[in-house]
Amino acid sequence: MNSNSSQTSSSNEMTRLRRRYKKDFDDDSDDISPVQAILRIDMALDHKKLPSSSDVDIMLKPGRLGRRRAVLKRILNDCFDLRGKCVPPSDGIDNGGSLLFVTKCTIDE
């Protein structure tokens, strides 16, 4: 009887741990802080994956956040191969204020 009850208790414990793990790492969770979102974005970028859009949304919420700018630059660089400043297109036609990144424009400096 002891072995059966110990198996049941360990099974219940494993079920609790799985639920807790799923809750901790579920992409739909809105209760994570912007700092946790930045850490998850960094982890995704370190593993050559696209960051979750929900993590980016959480990171963009208003408030003081020290690494926001650096993480956004890293997303643009790693995911979209965009670096440098935005410049107006060189064709001379006003496209309603659209800009190009230095890596996509033809301006020679």
N, C-alpha and C. Protein backbone atom coordinates (compact mmCIF):
# COMPACT_ATOMS: atom_id res chain seq x y z
N MET A 1 0.79 -1.18 0.00
CA MET A 1 0.00 0.00 0.00
C MET A 1 0.85 1.26 0.00
N ASN A 2 1.99 1.19 0.67
CA ASN A 2 2.86 2.36 0.72
C ASN A 2 3.41 2.72 -0.65
N SER A 3 3.76 1.71 -1.44
CA SER A 3 4.32 2.01 -2.75
C SER A 3 3.28 2.64 -3.66
N ASN A 4 2.03 2.21 -3.56
CA ASN A 4 0.97 2.79 -4.37
C ASN A 4 0.69 4.24 -3.97
N SER A 5 0.66 4.51 -2.70
CA SER A 5 0.41 5.88 -2.24
C SER A 5 1.59 6.79 -2.57
N SER A 6 2.81 6.24 -2.52
CA SER A 6 3.96 7.07 -2.88
C SER A 6 3.98 7.37 -4.37
N GLN A 7 3.54 6.41 -5.18
CA GLN A 7 3.45 6.66 -6.63
C GLN A 7 2.40 7.71 -6.93
N THR A 8 1.27 7.64 -6.21
CA THR A 8 0.22 8.61 -6.42
C THR A 8 0.67 10.01 -6.01
N SER A 9 1.36 10.11 -4.89
CA SER A 9 1.82 11.43 -4.44
C SER A 9 2.89 11.99 -5.39
N SER A 10 3.78 11.14 -5.89
CA SER A 10 4.79 11.63 -6.83
C SER A 10 4.15 11.99 -8.17
N SER A 11 3.11 11.25 -8.55
CA SER A 11 2.39 11.58 -9.78
C SER A 11 1.67 12.93 -9.63
N ASN A 12 1.06 13.15 -8.47
CA ASN A 12 0.40 14.43 -8.23
C ASN A 12 1.40 15.58 -8.22
N GLU A 13 2.56 15.32 -7.64
CA GLU A 13 3.60 16.34 -7.61
C GLU A 13 4.09 16.68 -9.01
N MET A 14 4.28 15.66 -9.84
CA MET A 14 4.71 15.89 -11.23
C MET A 14 3.65 16.69 -12.00
N THR A 15 2.38 16.38 -11.77
CA THR A 15 1.30 17.11 -12.42
C THR A 15 1.32 18.57 -12.01
N ARG A 16 1.52 18.84 -10.72
CA ARG A 16 1.62 20.22 -10.23
C ARG A 16 2.80 20.94 -10.86
N LEU A 17 3.94 20.27 -10.95
CA LEU A 17 5.12 20.89 -11.53
C LEU A 17 4.91 21.21 -13.00
N ARG A 18 4.26 20.30 -13.73
CA ARG A 18 3.98 20.56 -15.15
C ARG A 18 3.06 21.76 -15.32
N ARG A 19 2.03 21.85 -14.51
CA ARG A 19 1.12 23.00 -14.59
C ARG A 19 1.86 24.30 -14.29
N ARG A 20 2.70 24.25 -13.28
CA ARG A 20 3.46 25.44 -12.90
C ARG A 20 4.44 25.83 -14.00
N TYR A 21 5.11 24.85 -14.61
CA TYR A 21 6.04 25.12 -15.70
C TYR A 21 5.29 25.73 -16.88
N LYS A 22 4.13 25.13 -17.22
CA LYS A 22 3.37 25.65 -18.35
C LYS A 22 2.91 27.07 -18.07
N LYS A 23 2.50 27.35 -16.86
CA LYS A 23 2.07 28.71 -16.51
C LYS A 23 3.24 29.69 -16.58
N ASP A 24 4.41 29.25 -16.13
CA ASP A 24 5.58 30.13 -16.14
C ASP A 24 6.06 30.47 -17.54
N PHE A 25 5.93 29.53 -18.48
CA PHE A 25 6.50 29.73 -19.81
C PHE A 25 5.45 29.80 -20.91
N ASP A 26 4.22 30.06 -20.57
CA ASP A 26 3.16 30.20 -21.55
C ASP A 26 3.31 31.55 -22.24
N ASP A 27 3.25 31.57 -23.58
CA ASP A 27 3.42 32.81 -24.34
C ASP A 27 2.24 33.76 -24.19
N ASP A 28 1.08 33.24 -23.79
CA ASP A 28 -0.10 34.09 -23.68
C ASP A 28 -0.22 34.76 -22.33
N SER A 29 0.74 34.59 -21.47
CA SER A 29 0.61 35.17 -20.13
C SER A 29 0.87 36.66 -20.19
N ASP A 30 -0.05 37.44 -19.62
CA ASP A 30 0.08 38.89 -19.61
C ASP A 30 0.63 39.40 -18.29
N ASP A 31 0.89 38.51 -17.36
CA ASP A 31 1.30 38.96 -16.03
C ASP A 31 2.81 38.97 -15.85
N ILE A 32 3.58 38.92 -16.93
CA ILE A 32 5.03 38.99 -16.77
C ILE A 32 5.46 40.45 -16.83
N SER A 33 6.54 40.74 -16.18
CA SER A 33 7.02 42.12 -16.12
C SER A 33 7.83 42.43 -17.39
N PRO A 34 8.02 43.71 -17.69
CA PRO A 34 8.85 44.09 -18.84
C PRO A 34 10.28 43.56 -18.75
N VAL A 35 10.81 43.46 -17.54
CA VAL A 35 12.16 42.91 -17.39
C VAL A 35 12.19 41.44 -17.77
N GLN A 36 11.17 40.68 -17.36
CA GLN A 36 11.09 39.27 -17.75
C GLN A 36 10.91 39.15 -19.25
N ALA A 37 10.14 40.05 -19.85
CA ALA A 37 9.95 40.03 -21.30
C ALA A 37 11.28 40.26 -22.01
N ILE A 38 12.08 41.19 -21.51
CA ILE A 38 13.40 41.44 -22.10
C ILE A 38 14.28 40.21 -21.99
N LEU A 39 14.24 39.55 -20.86
CA LEU A 39 15.05 38.34 -20.70
C LEU A 39 14.61 37.25 -21.66
N ARG A 40 13.30 37.12 -21.87
CA ARG A 40 12.80 36.11 -22.81
C ARG A 40 13.17 36.47 -24.24
N ILE A 41 13.15 37.76 -24.58
CA ILE A 41 13.56 38.22 -25.92
C ILE A 41 15.04 37.93 -26.12
N ASP A 42 15.86 38.25 -25.12
CA ASP A 42 17.30 37.96 -25.21
C ASP A 42 17.56 36.47 -25.40
N MET A 43 16.82 35.65 -24.68
CA MET A 43 17.01 34.20 -24.80
C MET A 43 16.63 33.72 -26.20
N ALA A 44 15.55 34.24 -26.76
CA ALA A 44 15.14 33.86 -28.11
C ALA A 44 16.19 34.30 -29.13
N LEU A 45 16.69 35.51 -29.00
CA LEU A 45 17.70 36.00 -29.94
C LEU A 45 19.01 35.24 -29.80
N ASP A 46 19.37 34.85 -28.58
CA ASP A 46 20.58 34.06 -28.38
C ASP A 46 20.48 32.70 -29.06
N HIS A 47 19.25 32.17 -29.16
CA HIS A 47 19.03 30.86 -29.79
C HIS A 47 18.63 30.99 -31.26
N LYS A 48 18.86 32.17 -31.85
CA LYS A 48 18.59 32.45 -33.26
C LYS A 48 17.12 32.22 -33.61
N LYS A 49 16.21 32.62 -32.70
CA LYS A 49 14.77 32.53 -32.94
C LYS A 49 14.17 33.93 -32.90
N LEU A 50 13.01 34.07 -33.50
CA LEU A 50 12.31 35.34 -33.42
C LEU A 50 11.68 35.49 -32.04
N PRO A 51 11.75 36.66 -31.47
CA PRO A 51 11.10 36.87 -30.17
C PRO A 51 9.59 36.87 -30.32
N SER A 52 8.91 36.55 -29.25
CA SER A 52 7.46 36.53 -29.24
C SER A 52 6.93 37.96 -29.34
N SER A 53 5.90 38.15 -30.15
CA SER A 53 5.33 39.49 -30.30
C SER A 53 4.70 39.96 -28.99
N SER A 54 4.20 39.03 -28.18
CA SER A 54 3.62 39.44 -26.90
C SER A 54 4.71 39.96 -25.96
N ASP A 55 5.90 39.37 -26.02
CA ASP A 55 7.01 39.86 -25.20
C ASP A 55 7.42 41.27 -25.64
N VAL A 56 7.44 41.50 -26.96
CA VAL A 56 7.79 42.83 -27.46
C VAL A 56 6.72 43.84 -27.04
N ASP A 57 5.44 43.45 -27.11
CA ASP A 57 4.37 44.34 -26.67
C ASP A 57 4.51 44.71 -25.20
N ILE A 58 4.83 43.71 -24.38
CA ILE A 58 5.00 43.96 -22.95
C ILE A 58 6.18 44.89 -22.70
N MET A 59 7.26 44.68 -23.44
CA MET A 59 8.44 45.51 -23.27
C MET A 59 8.16 46.97 -23.69
N LEU A 60 7.25 47.17 -24.63
CA LEU A 60 6.97 48.51 -25.14
C LEU A 60 5.96 49.28 -24.30
N LYS A 61 5.45 48.68 -23.24
CA LYS A 61 4.52 49.40 -22.37
C LYS A 61 5.24 50.61 -21.76
N PRO A 62 4.51 51.70 -21.56
CA PRO A 62 5.13 52.92 -21.01
C PRO A 62 5.74 52.67 -19.63
N GLY A 63 6.84 53.30 -19.39
CA GLY A 63 7.53 53.20 -18.11
C GLY A 63 9.03 53.19 -18.32
N ARG A 64 9.74 53.38 -17.25
CA ARG A 64 11.20 53.38 -17.33
C ARG A 64 11.71 51.96 -17.48
N LEU A 65 12.56 51.77 -18.46
CA LEU A 65 13.14 50.46 -18.71
C LEU A 65 14.50 50.68 -19.35
N GLY A 66 15.54 50.34 -18.64
CA GLY A 66 16.89 50.69 -19.05
C GLY A 66 17.39 50.08 -20.34
N ARG A 67 17.06 48.85 -20.63
CA ARG A 67 17.65 48.17 -21.79
C ARG A 67 16.73 48.14 -23.00
N ARG A 68 15.63 48.86 -22.96
CA ARG A 68 14.64 48.79 -24.04
C ARG A 68 15.26 49.15 -25.39
N ARG A 69 15.98 50.25 -25.44
CA ARG A 69 16.56 50.72 -26.70
C ARG A 69 17.56 49.71 -27.26
N ALA A 70 18.42 49.18 -26.43
CA ALA A 70 19.42 48.22 -26.89
C ALA A 70 18.76 46.94 -27.41
N VAL A 71 17.71 46.49 -26.74
CA VAL A 71 17.02 45.27 -27.17
C VAL A 71 16.31 45.51 -28.49
N LEU A 72 15.67 46.67 -28.66
CA LEU A 72 15.02 46.98 -29.93
C LEU A 72 16.02 47.04 -31.08
N LYS A 73 17.18 47.66 -30.82
CA LYS A 73 18.23 47.68 -31.86
C LYS A 73 18.69 46.27 -32.20
N ARG A 74 18.81 45.42 -31.19
CA ARG A 74 19.25 44.04 -31.44
C ARG A 74 18.20 43.27 -32.24
N ILE A 75 16.92 43.50 -31.96
CA ILE A 75 15.86 42.84 -32.74
C ILE A 75 15.95 43.27 -34.20
N LEU A 76 16.09 44.58 -34.43
CA LEU A 76 16.19 45.07 -35.81
C LEU A 76 17.41 44.51 -36.52
N ASN A 77 18.54 44.42 -35.82
CA ASN A 77 19.77 43.94 -36.41
C ASN A 77 19.73 42.44 -36.65
N ASP A 78 19.37 41.66 -35.63
CA ASP A 78 19.43 40.20 -35.73
C ASP A 78 18.32 39.61 -36.58
N CYS A 79 17.12 40.14 -36.46
CA CYS A 79 15.97 39.54 -37.13
C CYS A 79 15.73 40.10 -38.53
N PHE A 80 16.03 41.38 -38.73
CA PHE A 80 15.69 42.02 -39.99
C PHE A 80 16.90 42.56 -40.74
N ASP A 81 18.09 42.38 -40.18
CA ASP A 81 19.33 42.85 -40.77
C ASP A 81 19.28 44.35 -41.09
N LEU A 82 18.73 45.12 -40.16
CA LEU A 82 18.64 46.57 -40.31
C LEU A 82 19.54 47.24 -39.29
N ARG A 83 20.42 48.14 -39.78
CA ARG A 83 21.35 48.85 -38.91
C ARG A 83 21.40 50.30 -39.33
N GLY A 84 21.86 51.12 -38.44
CA GLY A 84 22.09 52.51 -38.76
C GLY A 84 20.86 53.37 -38.63
N LYS A 85 20.94 54.55 -39.20
CA LYS A 85 19.86 55.54 -39.09
C LYS A 85 18.87 55.38 -40.23
N CYS A 86 17.69 55.93 -40.02
CA CYS A 86 16.69 56.01 -41.07
C CYS A 86 16.94 57.25 -41.90
N VAL A 87 16.86 57.13 -43.21
CA VAL A 87 17.06 58.26 -44.11
C VAL A 87 15.90 58.29 -45.10
N PRO A 88 15.59 59.49 -45.63
CA PRO A 88 14.53 59.56 -46.65
C PRO A 88 14.98 58.87 -47.93
N PRO A 89 14.06 58.35 -48.72
CA PRO A 89 14.45 57.71 -49.98
C PRO A 89 15.10 58.71 -50.92
N SER A 90 16.02 58.24 -51.75
CA SER A 90 16.80 59.14 -52.60
C SER A 90 16.14 59.42 -53.95
N ASP A 91 14.94 58.87 -54.21
CA ASP A 91 14.30 59.09 -55.51
C ASP A 91 13.69 60.48 -55.67
N GLY A 92 13.66 61.27 -54.58
CA GLY A 92 13.17 62.64 -54.65
C GLY A 92 11.65 62.74 -54.60
N ILE A 93 10.95 61.63 -54.58
CA ILE A 93 9.49 61.64 -54.54
C ILE A 93 9.06 61.55 -53.08
N ASP A 94 8.12 62.40 -52.68
CA ASP A 94 7.63 62.38 -51.31
C ASP A 94 6.67 61.22 -51.13
N ASN A 95 7.07 60.21 -50.36
CA ASN A 95 6.24 59.03 -50.13
C ASN A 95 5.49 59.13 -48.82
N GLY A 96 5.07 60.29 -48.44
CA GLY A 96 4.34 60.45 -47.19
C GLY A 96 5.20 60.27 -45.97
N GLY A 97 6.47 60.62 -46.06
CA GLY A 97 7.35 60.54 -44.91
C GLY A 97 7.96 59.18 -44.67
N SER A 98 7.94 58.28 -45.65
CA SER A 98 8.54 56.96 -45.45
C SER A 98 10.06 57.09 -45.43
N LEU A 99 10.69 56.27 -44.61
CA LEU A 99 12.14 56.31 -44.45
C LEU A 99 12.73 54.93 -44.74
N LEU A 100 14.01 54.91 -45.07
CA LEU A 100 14.74 53.67 -45.29
C LEU A 100 15.87 53.60 -44.28
N PHE A 101 16.22 52.38 -43.88
CA PHE A 101 17.40 52.20 -43.06
C PHE A 101 18.64 52.27 -43.94
N VAL A 102 19.76 52.61 -43.36
CA VAL A 102 21.01 52.76 -44.09
C VAL A 102 21.35 51.47 -44.83
N THR A 103 21.04 50.31 -44.25
CA THR A 103 21.38 49.04 -44.90
C THR A 103 20.51 48.77 -46.12
N LYS A 104 19.39 49.47 -46.28
CA LYS A 104 18.49 49.24 -47.42
C LYS A 104 18.50 50.37 -48.43
N CYS A 105 19.18 51.49 -48.15
CA CYS A 105 19.17 52.61 -49.08
C CYS A 105 20.44 52.61 -49.92
N THR A 106 20.45 53.50 -50.94
CA THR A 106 21.57 53.52 -51.88
C THR A 106 22.48 54.72 -51.68
N ILE A 107 22.34 55.45 -50.59
CA ILE A 107 23.16 56.64 -50.35
C ILE A 107 24.57 56.21 -49.99
N ASP A 108 25.54 56.73 -50.70
CA ASP A 108 26.95 56.46 -50.40
C ASP A 108 27.49 57.59 -49.55
N GLU A 109 28.18 57.25 -48.48
CA GLU A 109 28.73 58.29 -47.61
C GLU A 109 30.21 58.38 -47.79
